[in-house]
Amino acid sequence: MIEAISAITLATHDMARAVRFYDALGFELVHGGEDALFTSFRAGTGYLNLIAQSADRQWSWWGRAIFYVSDVDAFYASVVAKGYRPEAPPRDAEWGERFFHLADPDGHELSFAQPV
């Protein structure tokens, strides 16, 4: 039986820019950094990894990574205060979560949510 997701790894064309983005959101850097080819951030009990890819490597919409936060409205306000532009303000979903979406600098879709 599957117990949990250990990590998700996202590709980036600009590691320094991606590291600054995830750092600004509050992810804890545990390996790598702006000059690394591979970087890991703590995401609760799992990890969000970044892997550098050359400019000729392209990708299209792949899905969405969803992260739980303790207060989605406060987290949204902090994201906006840092100059990022989420898709829309937080809203309640019929499946029992309050959430909002935000794209990272490489176009990866992230969702931040909390159970309601």
Protein backbone atom coordinates (compact mmCIF):
# COMPACT_ATOMS: atom_id res chain seq x y z
CA MET A 1 0.00 0.00 0.00
CA ILE A 2 1.26 3.48 -0.84
CA GLU A 3 1.81 5.50 2.32
CA ALA A 4 2.88 8.96 1.13
CA ILE A 5 4.61 10.96 -1.56
CA SER A 6 8.26 11.34 -0.66
CA ALA A 7 9.03 14.10 -3.15
CA ILE A 8 8.07 15.80 -6.35
CA THR A 9 10.82 16.98 -8.71
CA LEU A 10 10.24 19.94 -11.02
CA ALA A 11 12.47 21.01 -13.90
CA THR A 12 13.82 24.55 -14.13
CA HIS A 13 15.69 26.54 -16.75
CA ASP A 14 17.01 28.95 -14.09
CA MET A 15 17.92 27.36 -10.75
CA ALA A 16 18.76 30.67 -9.04
CA ARG A 17 15.38 32.18 -9.96
CA ALA A 18 13.52 29.03 -8.91
CA VAL A 19 15.38 28.79 -5.59
CA ARG A 20 14.58 32.43 -4.79
CA PHE A 21 10.88 31.83 -5.63
CA TYR A 22 10.49 28.77 -3.38
CA ASP A 23 12.55 30.39 -0.62
CA ALA A 24 10.26 33.45 -0.72
CA LEU A 25 7.24 31.16 -0.32
CA GLY A 26 8.75 29.71 2.85
CA PHE A 27 10.03 26.34 1.67
CA GLU A 28 13.06 25.25 3.75
CA LEU A 29 16.21 24.67 1.68
CA VAL A 30 17.87 21.39 2.70
CA HIS A 31 20.21 20.64 -0.23
CA GLY A 32 21.68 22.49 -3.19
CA GLY A 33 20.93 26.13 -3.83
CA GLU A 34 21.12 28.80 -6.51
CA ASP A 35 24.28 27.38 -8.16
CA ALA A 36 23.36 23.68 -7.90
CA LEU A 37 22.07 21.34 -10.59
CA PHE A 38 19.73 19.69 -8.06
CA THR A 39 18.05 21.35 -5.08
CA SER A 40 15.72 20.03 -2.37
CA PHE A 41 13.29 21.92 -0.17
CA ARG A 42 11.38 20.46 2.76
CA ALA A 43 7.62 20.34 2.20
CA GLY A 44 6.13 19.01 5.44
CA THR A 45 7.33 15.42 5.76
CA GLY A 46 8.22 15.29 2.04
CA TYR A 47 10.33 17.26 -0.38
CA LEU A 48 10.03 19.56 -3.36
CA ASN A 49 13.04 19.07 -5.62
CA LEU A 50 14.29 21.19 -8.50
CA ILE A 51 16.45 19.86 -11.31
CA ALA A 52 18.26 22.13 -13.78
CA GLN A 53 17.49 21.54 -17.44
CA SER A 54 19.01 23.13 -20.53
CA ALA A 55 17.11 25.84 -22.38
CA ASP A 56 16.38 23.47 -25.27
CA ARG A 57 14.45 21.14 -22.94
CA GLN A 58 10.78 22.17 -23.09
CA TRP A 59 7.72 20.99 -21.21
CA SER A 60 4.02 21.73 -21.26
CA TRP A 61 1.31 21.56 -18.63
CA TRP A 62 1.92 18.43 -16.59
CA GLY A 63 -0.54 18.78 -13.71
CA ARG A 64 -0.46 20.45 -10.32
CA ALA A 65 1.36 19.98 -7.01
CA ILE A 66 -0.83 20.67 -3.97
CA PHE A 67 0.60 21.82 -0.64
CA TYR A 68 -1.31 22.16 2.61
CA VAL A 69 -0.75 25.32 4.66
CA SER A 70 -2.14 26.16 8.10
CA ASP A 71 -3.97 29.33 6.98
CA VAL A 72 -4.56 29.60 3.24
CA ASP A 73 -5.88 33.18 3.41
CA ALA A 74 -2.85 34.44 5.35
CA PHE A 75 -0.53 32.52 3.01
CA TYR A 76 -2.29 34.06 -0.01
CA ALA A 77 -1.84 37.55 1.49
CA SER A 78 1.89 36.91 2.02
CA VAL A 79 2.28 35.66 -1.57
CA VAL A 80 0.56 38.76 -2.98
CA ALA A 81 2.61 41.03 -0.67
CA LYS A 82 5.78 39.53 -2.18
CA GLY A 83 4.59 40.59 -5.65
CA TYR A 84 3.40 37.22 -6.97
CA ARG A 85 0.14 36.97 -8.88
CA PRO A 86 -2.00 33.93 -8.03
CA GLU A 87 -4.66 32.85 -10.53
CA ALA A 88 -7.48 33.97 -8.17
CA PRO A 89 -8.08 34.57 -4.46
CA PRO A 90 -8.70 31.56 -2.19
CA ARG A 91 -12.05 29.86 -2.55
CA ASP A 92 -13.92 26.98 -0.94
CA ALA A 93 -14.20 23.84 -3.05
CA GLU A 94 -16.97 21.26 -2.93
CA TRP A 95 -14.42 18.57 -1.98
CA GLY A 96 -13.73 20.24 1.37
CA GLU A 97 -10.68 22.42 0.80
CA ARG A 98 -10.03 26.14 0.60
CA PHE A 99 -7.34 26.81 -2.01
CA PHE A 100 -5.65 29.03 -4.58
CA HIS A 101 -3.33 28.35 -7.53
CA LEU A 102 0.02 29.95 -8.33
CA ALA A 103 2.44 29.23 -11.19
CA ASP A 104 6.16 29.12 -10.44
CA PRO A 105 8.64 30.96 -12.71
CA ASP A 106 8.95 27.88 -14.96
CA GLY A 107 5.17 27.57 -15.37
CA HIS A 108 4.64 24.67 -12.92
CA GLU A 109 1.21 24.95 -11.36
CA LEU A 110 1.08 24.92 -7.56
CA SER A 111 -1.96 24.86 -5.34
CA PHE A 112 -1.96 25.90 -1.69
CA ALA A 113 -4.85 24.62 0.38
CA GLN A 114 -6.25 23.80 3.78
CA PRO A 115 -9.12 21.52 4.77
CA VAL A 116 -12.37 23.30 5.69
